[in-house]
Amino acid sequence: MNSIAERWIQTCQHELLDRTLIWNQRHLLHTLREYEQFYNSHRPHQGIANARPLRTLPSPITSQRQITHLNIRRRPRLGGILNEYHHAA
């Protein structure tokens, strides 16, 4: 379990705490909760043999016309430190 805890702490430090000025304990707890939700839900993870999780992925875009008509939305989290990107419906 030490290796798992060390990896979580290192990831949290590099991706979040190095970019954030924490004011007090309440702010720290809010920031860590928000990062935990981002880390466990939106952030892409790899599985066994570096395989992606089973999801329905869109087909790859190969033509220039399709690229210029993409409608992608960005949802900032924690004041823009973390960002989620989604295709707009």
PDB file of N, CA and C in Angstrom:
ATOM      1  N   MET A   1       0.815  -1.191   0.000  1.00  0.00           N
ATOM      2  CA  MET A   1       0.000   0.000   0.000  1.00  0.00           C
ATOM      3  C   MET A   1       0.866   1.265   0.000  1.00  0.00           C
ATOM      4  N   ASN A   2       2.102   1.154   0.445  1.00  0.00           N
ATOM      5  CA  ASN A   2       2.960   2.342   0.447  1.00  0.00           C
ATOM      6  C   ASN A   2       3.140   2.916  -0.949  1.00  0.00           C
ATOM      7  N   SER A   3       3.334   2.056  -1.931  1.00  0.00           N
ATOM      8  CA  SER A   3       3.566   2.547  -3.291  1.00  0.00           C
ATOM      9  C   SER A   3       2.328   3.264  -3.838  1.00  0.00           C
ATOM     10  N   ILE A   4       1.140   2.771  -3.501  1.00  0.00           N
ATOM     11  CA  ILE A   4      -0.092   3.416  -3.952  1.00  0.00           C
ATOM     12  C   ILE A   4      -0.248   4.776  -3.293  1.00  0.00           C
ATOM     13  N   ALA A   5      -0.014   4.837  -1.992  1.00  0.00           N
ATOM     14  CA  ALA A   5      -0.118   6.117  -1.270  1.00  0.00           C
ATOM     15  C   ALA A   5       0.924   7.108  -1.766  1.00  0.00           C
ATOM     16  N   GLU A   6       2.132   6.653  -1.998  1.00  0.00           N
ATOM     17  CA  GLU A   6       3.184   7.548  -2.490  1.00  0.00           C
ATOM     18  C   GLU A   6       2.852   8.075  -3.880  1.00  0.00           C
ATOM     19  N   ARG A   7       2.295   7.235  -4.742  1.00  0.00           N
ATOM     20  CA  ARG A   7       1.933   7.681  -6.092  1.00  0.00           C
ATOM     21  C   ARG A   7       0.815   8.713  -6.039  1.00  0.00           C
ATOM     22  N   TRP A   8      -0.197   8.479  -5.188  1.00  0.00           N
ATOM     23  CA  TRP A   8      -1.284   9.444  -5.039  1.00  0.00           C
ATOM     24  C   TRP A   8      -0.754  10.794  -4.538  1.00  0.00           C
ATOM     25  N   ILE A   9       0.091  10.765  -3.538  1.00  0.00           N
ATOM     26  CA  ILE A   9       0.635  12.003  -2.977  1.00  0.00           C
ATOM     27  C   ILE A   9       1.475  12.733  -4.011  1.00  0.00           C
ATOM     28  N   GLN A  10       2.299  12.019  -4.746  1.00  0.00           N
ATOM     29  CA  GLN A  10       3.145  12.651  -5.759  1.00  0.00           C
ATOM     30  C   GLN A  10       2.292  13.246  -6.882  1.00  0.00           C
ATOM     31  N   THR A  11       1.294  12.510  -7.357  1.00  0.00           N
ATOM     32  CA  THR A  11       0.421  13.012  -8.409  1.00  0.00           C
ATOM     33  C   THR A  11      -0.341  14.242  -7.941  1.00  0.00           C
ATOM     34  N   CYS A  12      -0.875  14.163  -6.746  1.00  0.00           N
ATOM     35  CA  CYS A  12      -1.622  15.283  -6.182  1.00  0.00           C
ATOM     36  C   CYS A  12      -0.718  16.509  -6.033  1.00  0.00           C
ATOM     37  N   GLN A  13       0.491  16.313  -5.593  1.00  0.00           N
ATOM     38  CA  GLN A  13       1.420  17.421  -5.414  1.00  0.00           C
ATOM     39  C   GLN A  13       1.788  18.061  -6.750  1.00  0.00           C
ATOM     40  N   HIS A  14       2.152  17.248  -7.747  1.00  0.00           N
ATOM     41  CA  HIS A  14       2.610  17.795  -9.026  1.00  0.00           C
ATOM     42  C   HIS A  14       1.483  18.425  -9.842  1.00  0.00           C
ATOM     43  N   GLU A  15       0.307  17.786  -9.869  1.00  0.00           N
ATOM     44  CA  GLU A  15      -0.770  18.275 -10.717  1.00  0.00           C
ATOM     45  C   GLU A  15      -1.646  19.325 -10.052  1.00  0.00           C
ATOM     46  N   LEU A  16      -1.602  19.409  -8.720  1.00  0.00           N
ATOM     47  CA  LEU A  16      -2.528  20.309  -8.045  1.00  0.00           C
ATOM     48  C   LEU A  16      -1.833  21.281  -7.098  1.00  0.00           C
ATOM     49  N   LEU A  17      -1.131  20.765  -6.122  1.00  0.00           N
ATOM     50  CA  LEU A  17      -0.622  21.626  -5.059  1.00  0.00           C
ATOM     51  C   LEU A  17       0.536  22.515  -5.493  1.00  0.00           C
ATOM     52  N   ASP A  18       1.284  22.111  -6.529  1.00  0.00           N
ATOM     53  CA  ASP A  18       2.349  22.980  -7.033  1.00  0.00           C
ATOM     54  C   ASP A  18       1.792  24.195  -7.762  1.00  0.00           C
ATOM     55  N   ARG A  19       0.500  24.150  -8.149  1.00  0.00           N
ATOM     56  CA  ARG A  19      -0.124  25.232  -8.908  1.00  0.00           C
ATOM     57  C   ARG A  19      -1.129  26.028  -8.095  1.00  0.00           C
ATOM     58  N   THR A  20      -1.286  25.693  -6.833  1.00  0.00           N
ATOM     59  CA  THR A  20      -2.342  26.291  -6.023  1.00  0.00           C
ATOM     60  C   THR A  20      -1.774  26.853  -4.729  1.00  0.00           C
ATOM     61  N   LEU A  21      -2.249  28.025  -4.364  1.00  0.00           N
ATOM     62  CA  LEU A  21      -1.920  28.603  -3.069  1.00  0.00           C
ATOM     63  C   LEU A  21      -3.070  28.274  -2.125  1.00  0.00           C
ATOM     64  N   ILE A  22      -2.805  27.452  -1.128  1.00  0.00           N
ATOM     65  CA  ILE A  22      -3.836  27.012  -0.181  1.00  0.00           C
ATOM     66  C   ILE A  22      -3.896  28.010   0.968  1.00  0.00           C
ATOM     67  N   TRP A  23      -5.110  28.491   1.263  1.00  0.00           N
ATOM     68  CA  TRP A  23      -5.278  29.523   2.289  1.00  0.00           C
ATOM     69  C   TRP A  23      -5.487  28.947   3.681  1.00  0.00           C
ATOM     70  N   ASN A  24      -6.303  27.896   3.809  1.00  0.00           N
ATOM     71  CA  ASN A  24      -6.584  27.323   5.125  1.00  0.00           C
ATOM     72  C   ASN A  24      -7.024  25.868   4.958  1.00  0.00           C
ATOM     73  N   GLN A  25      -7.380  25.238   6.059  1.00  0.00           N
ATOM     74  CA  GLN A  25      -7.738  23.824   6.018  1.00  0.00           C
ATOM     75  C   GLN A  25      -9.018  23.597   5.213  1.00  0.00           C
ATOM     76  N   ARG A  26      -9.982  24.485   5.340  1.00  0.00           N
ATOM     77  CA  ARG A  26     -11.225  24.341   4.578  1.00  0.00           C
ATOM     78  C   ARG A  26     -10.960  24.396   3.075  1.00  0.00           C
ATOM     79  N   HIS A  27     -10.121  25.320   2.655  1.00  0.00           N
ATOM     80  CA  HIS A  27      -9.763  25.431   1.245  1.00  0.00           C
ATOM     81  C   HIS A  27      -9.014  24.184   0.775  1.00  0.00           C
ATOM     82  N   LEU A  28      -8.121  23.676   1.595  1.00  0.00           N
ATOM     83  CA  LEU A  28      -7.375  22.457   1.262  1.00  0.00           C
ATOM     84  C   LEU A  28      -8.317  21.279   1.075  1.00  0.00           C
ATOM     85  N   LEU A  29      -9.258  21.097   1.996  1.00  0.00           N
ATOM     86  CA  LEU A  29     -10.187  19.968   1.907  1.00  0.00           C
ATOM     87  C   LEU A  29     -11.079  20.082   0.665  1.00  0.00           C
ATOM     88  N   HIS A  30     -11.556  21.285   0.364  1.00  0.00           N
ATOM     89  CA  HIS A  30     -12.360  21.487  -0.848  1.00  0.00           C
ATOM     90  C   HIS A  30     -11.551  21.164  -2.099  1.00  0.00           C
ATOM     91  N   THR A  31     -10.325  21.639  -2.141  1.00  0.00           N
ATOM     92  CA  THR A  31      -9.453  21.413  -3.296  1.00  0.00           C
ATOM     93  C   THR A  31      -9.162  19.925  -3.471  1.00  0.00           C
ATOM     94  N   LEU A  32      -8.873  19.238  -2.393  1.00  0.00           N
ATOM     95  CA  LEU A  32      -8.582  17.807  -2.482  1.00  0.00           C
ATOM     96  C   LEU A  32      -9.813  16.996  -2.894  1.00  0.00           C
ATOM     97  N   ARG A  33     -11.003  17.377  -2.394  1.00  0.00           N
ATOM     98  CA  ARG A  33     -12.227  16.675  -2.806  1.00  0.00           C
ATOM     99  C   ARG A  33     -12.490  16.857  -4.299  1.00  0.00           C
ATOM    100  N   GLU A  34     -12.343  18.075  -4.772  1.00  0.00           N
ATOM    101  CA  GLU A  34     -12.568  18.358  -6.196  1.00  0.00           C
ATOM    102  C   GLU A  34     -11.550  17.606  -7.058  1.00  0.00           C
ATOM    103  N   TYR A  35     -10.294  17.588  -6.636  1.00  0.00           N
ATOM    104  CA  TYR A  35      -9.264  16.876  -7.393  1.00  0.00           C
ATOM    105  C   TYR A  35      -9.520  15.371  -7.372  1.00  0.00           C
ATOM    106  N   GLU A  36      -9.982  14.851  -6.257  1.00  0.00           N
ATOM    107  CA  GLU A  36     -10.278  13.420  -6.168  1.00  0.00           C
ATOM    108  C   GLU A  36     -11.388  13.037  -7.139  1.00  0.00           C
ATOM    109  N   GLN A  37     -12.436  13.856  -7.245  1.00  0.00           N
ATOM    110  CA  GLN A  37     -13.501  13.580  -8.210  1.00  0.00           C
ATOM    111  C   GLN A  37     -12.962  13.622  -9.634  1.00  0.00           C
ATOM    112  N   PHE A  38     -12.140  14.612  -9.945  1.00  0.00           N
ATOM    113  CA  PHE A  38     -11.539  14.724 -11.273  1.00  0.00           C
ATOM    114  C   PHE A  38     -10.654  13.517 -11.560  1.00  0.00           C
ATOM    115  N   TYR A  39      -9.835  13.139 -10.589  1.00  0.00           N
ATOM    116  CA  TYR A  39      -8.880  12.041 -10.755  1.00  0.00           C
ATOM    117  C   TYR A  39      -9.596  10.716 -10.981  1.00  0.00           C
ATOM    118  N   ASN A  40     -10.682  10.476 -10.249  1.00  0.00           N
ATOM    119  CA  ASN A  40     -11.363   9.180 -10.317  1.00  0.00           C
ATOM    120  C   ASN A  40     -12.432   9.092 -11.392  1.00  0.00           C
ATOM    121  N   SER A  41     -12.897  10.218 -11.916  1.00  0.00           N
ATOM    122  CA  SER A  41     -13.970  10.135 -12.898  1.00  0.00           C
ATOM    123  C   SER A  41     -13.550  10.575 -14.297  1.00  0.00           C
ATOM    124  N   HIS A  42     -12.969  11.746 -14.434  1.00  0.00           N
ATOM    125  CA  HIS A  42     -12.706  12.269 -15.770  1.00  0.00           C
ATOM    126  C   HIS A  42     -11.318  11.928 -16.293  1.00  0.00           C
ATOM    127  N   ARG A  43     -10.337  11.989 -15.457  1.00  0.00           N
ATOM    128  CA  ARG A  43      -8.952  11.780 -15.880  1.00  0.00           C
ATOM    129  C   ARG A  43      -8.794  10.389 -16.486  1.00  0.00           C
ATOM    130  N   PRO A  44      -8.217  10.269 -17.684  1.00  0.00           N
ATOM    131  CA  PRO A  44      -8.098   8.949 -18.310  1.00  0.00           C
ATOM    132  C   PRO A  44      -7.095   8.060 -17.572  1.00  0.00           C
ATOM    133  N   HIS A  45      -7.489   6.827 -17.381  1.00  0.00           N
ATOM    134  CA  HIS A  45      -6.618   5.850 -16.733  1.00  0.00           C
ATOM    135  C   HIS A  45      -6.308   4.735 -17.724  1.00  0.00           C
ATOM    136  N   GLN A  46      -5.233   4.045 -17.474  1.00  0.00           N
ATOM    137  CA  GLN A  46      -4.877   2.903 -18.303  1.00  0.00           C
ATOM    138  C   GLN A  46      -5.058   1.632 -17.496  1.00  0.00           C
ATOM    139  N   GLY A  47      -5.405   0.578 -18.191  1.00  0.00           N
ATOM    140  CA  GLY A  47      -5.647  -0.695 -17.538  1.00  0.00           C
ATOM    141  C   GLY A  47      -4.512  -1.672 -17.786  1.00  0.00           C
ATOM    142  N   ILE A  48      -4.850  -2.927 -17.801  1.00  0.00           N
ATOM    143  CA  ILE A  48      -3.877  -3.995 -17.985  1.00  0.00           C
ATOM    144  C   ILE A  48      -3.253  -3.881 -19.371  1.00  0.00           C
ATOM    145  N   ALA A  49      -1.966  -4.019 -19.457  1.00  0.00           N
ATOM    146  CA  ALA A  49      -1.205  -3.941 -20.712  1.00  0.00           C
ATOM    147  C   ALA A  49      -1.443  -2.618 -21.442  1.00  0.00           C
ATOM    148  N   ASN A  50      -1.576  -1.545 -20.681  1.00  0.00           N
ATOM    149  CA  ASN A  50      -1.781  -0.189 -21.210  1.00  0.00           C
ATOM    150  C   ASN A  50      -3.024  -0.054 -22.083  1.00  0.00           C
ATOM    151  N   ALA A  51      -4.018  -0.913 -21.863  1.00  0.00           N
ATOM    152  CA  ALA A  51      -5.269  -0.826 -22.615  1.00  0.00           C
ATOM    153  C   ALA A  51      -6.175   0.212 -21.970  1.00  0.00           C
ATOM    154  N   ARG A  52      -6.917   0.931 -22.794  1.00  0.00           N
ATOM    155  CA  ARG A  52      -7.861   1.912 -22.278  1.00  0.00           C
ATOM    156  C   ARG A  52      -9.060   1.195 -21.671  1.00  0.00           C
ATOM    157  N   PRO A  53      -9.784   1.866 -20.774  1.00  0.00           N
ATOM    158  CA  PRO A  53     -11.021   1.273 -20.255  1.00  0.00           C
ATOM    159  C   PRO A  53     -12.027   1.091 -21.386  1.00  0.00           C
ATOM    160  N   LEU A  54     -12.899   0.117 -21.233  1.00  0.00           N
ATOM    161  CA  LEU A  54     -13.883  -0.166 -22.265  1.00  0.00           C
ATOM    162  C   LEU A  54     -14.946   0.925 -22.276  1.00  0.00           C
ATOM    163  N   ARG A  55     -14.945   1.730 -23.302  1.00  0.00           N
ATOM    164  CA  ARG A  55     -15.935   2.775 -23.528  1.00  0.00           C
ATOM    165  C   ARG A  55     -16.192   2.835 -25.018  1.00  0.00           C
ATOM    166  N   THR A  56     -17.285   3.426 -25.372  1.00  0.00           N
ATOM    167  CA  THR A  56     -17.543   3.616 -26.791  1.00  0.00           C
ATOM    168  C   THR A  56     -16.790   4.859 -27.233  1.00  0.00           C
ATOM    169  N   LEU A  57     -15.761   4.679 -27.986  1.00  0.00           N
ATOM    170  CA  LEU A  57     -14.952   5.792 -28.470  1.00  0.00           C
ATOM    171  C   LEU A  57     -15.419   6.191 -29.860  1.00  0.00           C
ATOM    172  N   PRO A  58     -15.432   7.487 -30.152  1.00  0.00           N
ATOM    173  CA  PRO A  58     -15.818   7.904 -31.495  1.00  0.00           C
ATOM    174  C   PRO A  58     -14.787   7.448 -32.515  1.00  0.00           C
ATOM    175  N   SER A  59     -15.234   7.314 -33.742  1.00  0.00           N
ATOM    176  CA  SER A  59     -14.303   6.908 -34.794  1.00  0.00           C
ATOM    177  C   SER A  59     -13.299   8.028 -35.049  1.00  0.00           C
ATOM    178  N   PRO A  60     -12.077   7.692 -35.449  1.00  0.00           N
ATOM    179  CA  PRO A  60     -11.061   8.717 -35.671  1.00  0.00           C
ATOM    180  C   PRO A  60     -11.431   9.651 -36.822  1.00  0.00           C
ATOM    181  N   ILE A  61     -11.048  10.900 -36.683  1.00  0.00           N
ATOM    182  CA  ILE A  61     -11.326  11.906 -37.707  1.00  0.00           C
ATOM    183  C   ILE A  61     -10.166  11.910 -38.692  1.00  0.00           C
ATOM    184  N   THR A  62     -10.500  11.767 -39.964  1.00  0.00           N
ATOM    185  CA  THR A  62      -9.449  11.681 -40.972  1.00  0.00           C
ATOM    186  C   THR A  62      -9.493  12.817 -41.985  1.00  0.00           C
ATOM    187  N   SER A  63     -10.613  13.520 -42.097  1.00  0.00           N
ATOM    188  CA  SER A  63     -10.689  14.578 -43.107  1.00  0.00           C
ATOM    189  C   SER A  63     -10.618  15.962 -42.455  1.00  0.00           C
ATOM    190  N   GLN A  64     -10.082  16.906 -43.173  1.00  0.00           N
ATOM    191  CA  GLN A  64      -9.937  18.280 -42.686  1.00  0.00           C
ATOM    192  C   GLN A  64     -11.299  18.918 -42.433  1.00  0.00           C
ATOM    193  N   ARG A  65     -12.286  18.601 -43.259  1.00  0.00           N
ATOM    194  CA  ARG A  65     -13.623  19.182 -43.105  1.00  0.00           C
ATOM    195  C   ARG A  65     -14.233  18.824 -41.751  1.00  0.00           C
ATOM    196  N   GLN A  66     -14.035  17.586 -41.302  1.00  0.00           N
ATOM    197  CA  GLN A  66     -14.573  17.170 -40.010  1.00  0.00           C
ATOM    198  C   GLN A  66     -13.869  17.889 -38.859  1.00  0.00           C
ATOM    199  N   ILE A  67     -12.588  18.132 -38.991  1.00  0.00           N
ATOM    200  CA  ILE A  67     -11.829  18.784 -37.918  1.00  0.00           C
ATOM    201  C   ILE A  67     -12.294  20.221 -37.724  1.00  0.00           C
ATOM    202  N   THR A  68     -12.576  20.931 -38.792  1.00  0.00           N
ATOM    203  CA  THR A  68     -12.980  22.328 -38.670  1.00  0.00           C
ATOM    204  C   THR A  68     -14.376  22.484 -38.091  1.00  0.00           C
ATOM    205  N   HIS A  69     -15.189  21.415 -38.085  1.00  0.00           N
ATOM    206  CA  HIS A  69     -16.548  21.498 -37.564  1.00  0.00           C
ATOM    207  C   HIS A  69     -16.697  20.832 -36.193  1.00  0.00           C
ATOM    208  N   LEU A  70     -15.620  20.594 -35.499  1.00  0.00           N
ATOM    209  CA  LEU A  70     -15.705  20.021 -34.158  1.00  0.00           C
ATOM    210  C   LEU A  70     -16.249  21.060 -33.186  1.00  0.00           C
ATOM    211  N   ASN A  71     -17.088  20.626 -32.294  1.00  0.00           N
ATOM    212  CA  ASN A  71     -17.637  21.515 -31.284  1.00  0.00           C
ATOM    213  C   ASN A  71     -17.273  20.929 -29.921  1.00  0.00           C
ATOM    214  N   ILE A  72     -16.188  21.396 -29.372  1.00  0.00           N
ATOM    215  CA  ILE A  72     -15.681  20.859 -28.112  1.00  0.00           C
ATOM    216  C   ILE A  72     -15.859  21.910 -27.030  1.00  0.00           C
ATOM    217  N   ARG A  73     -16.368  21.488 -25.890  1.00  0.00           N
ATOM    218  CA  ARG A  73     -16.587  22.373 -24.751  1.00  0.00           C
ATOM    219  C   ARG A  73     -15.560  22.085 -23.668  1.00  0.00           C
ATOM    220  N   ARG A  74     -15.104  23.143 -23.018  1.00  0.00           N
ATOM    221  CA  ARG A  74     -14.162  23.015 -21.901  1.00  0.00           C
ATOM    222  C   ARG A  74     -14.879  23.408 -20.631  1.00  0.00           C
ATOM    223  N   ARG A  75     -14.732  22.585 -19.604  1.00  0.00           N
ATOM    224  CA  ARG A  75     -15.303  22.884 -18.301  1.00  0.00           C
ATOM    225  C   ARG A  75     -14.155  23.061 -17.315  1.00  0.00           C
ATOM    226  N   PRO A  76     -13.886  24.302 -16.911  1.00  0.00           N
ATOM    227  CA  PRO A  76     -12.807  24.506 -15.944  1.00  0.00           C
ATOM    228  C   PRO A  76     -13.238  24.067 -14.551  1.00  0.00           C
ATOM    229  N   ARG A  77     -12.304  23.465 -13.829  1.00  0.00           N
ATOM    230  CA  ARG A  77     -12.528  23.072 -12.440  1.00  0.00           C
ATOM    231  C   ARG A  77     -11.412  23.663 -11.599  1.00  0.00           C
ATOM    232  N   LEU A  78     -11.728  24.015 -10.391  1.00  0.00           N
ATOM    233  CA  LEU A  78     -10.785  24.638  -9.462  1.00  0.00           C
ATOM    234  C   LEU A  78     -10.175  25.908 -10.062  1.00  0.00           C
ATOM    235  N   GLY A  79     -11.013  26.736 -10.612  1.00  0.00           N
ATOM    236  CA  GLY A  79     -10.554  28.009 -11.139  1.00  0.00           C
ATOM    237  C   GLY A  79      -9.667  27.892 -12.365  1.00  0.00           C
ATOM    238  N   GLY A  80      -9.797  26.819 -13.115  1.00  0.00           N
ATOM    239  CA  GLY A  80      -9.025  26.653 -14.338  1.00  0.00           C
ATOM    240  C   GLY A  80      -7.747  25.846 -14.173  1.00  0.00           C
ATOM    241  N   ILE A  81      -7.456  25.369 -12.977  1.00  0.00           N
ATOM    242  CA  ILE A  81      -6.267  24.532 -12.769  1.00  0.00           C
ATOM    243  C   ILE A  81      -6.468  23.180 -13.446  1.00  0.00           C
ATOM    244  N   LEU A  82      -7.677  22.646 -13.332  1.00  0.00           N
ATOM    245  CA  LEU A  82      -8.039  21.397 -13.987  1.00  0.00           C
ATOM    246  C   LEU A  82      -9.084  21.709 -15.052  1.00  0.00           C
ATOM    247  N   ASN A  83      -9.028  21.050 -16.177  1.00  0.00           N
ATOM    248  CA  ASN A  83      -9.993  21.256 -17.258  1.00  0.00           C
ATOM    249  C   ASN A  83     -10.507  19.925 -17.757  1.00  0.00           C
ATOM    250  N   GLU A  84     -11.822  19.885 -18.008  1.00  0.00           N
ATOM    251  CA  GLU A  84     -12.442  18.719 -18.625  1.00  0.00           C
ATOM    252  C   GLU A  84     -12.891  19.127 -20.015  1.00  0.00           C
ATOM    253  N   TYR A  85     -12.687  18.281 -21.002  1.00  0.00           N
ATOM    254  CA  TYR A  85     -13.078  18.558 -22.378  1.00  0.00           C
ATOM    255  C   TYR A  85     -14.103  17.531 -22.823  1.00  0.00           C
ATOM    256  N   HIS A  86     -15.200  18.022 -23.434  1.00  0.00           N
ATOM    257  CA  HIS A  86     -16.271  17.147 -23.899  1.00  0.00           C
ATOM    258  C   HIS A  86     -16.725  17.604 -25.274  1.00  0.00           C
ATOM    259  N   HIS A  87     -17.227  16.671 -26.075  1.00  0.00           N
ATOM    260  CA  HIS A  87     -17.883  17.021 -27.323  1.00  0.00           C
ATOM    261  C   HIS A  87     -19.243  17.605 -26.986  1.00  0.00           C
ATOM    262  N   ALA A  88     -19.594  18.714 -27.587  1.00  0.00           N
ATOM    263  CA  ALA A  88     -20.908  19.311 -27.364  1.00  0.00           C
ATOM    264  C   ALA A  88     -21.958  18.528 -28.122  1.00  0.00           C
ATOM    265  N   ALA A  89     -23.116  18.407 -27.531  1.00  0.00           N
ATOM    266  CA  ALA A  89     -24.211  17.644 -28.165  1.00  0.00           C
ATOM    267  C   ALA A  89     -24.848  18.437 -29.273  1.00  0.00           C
TER     268      ALA A  89
END
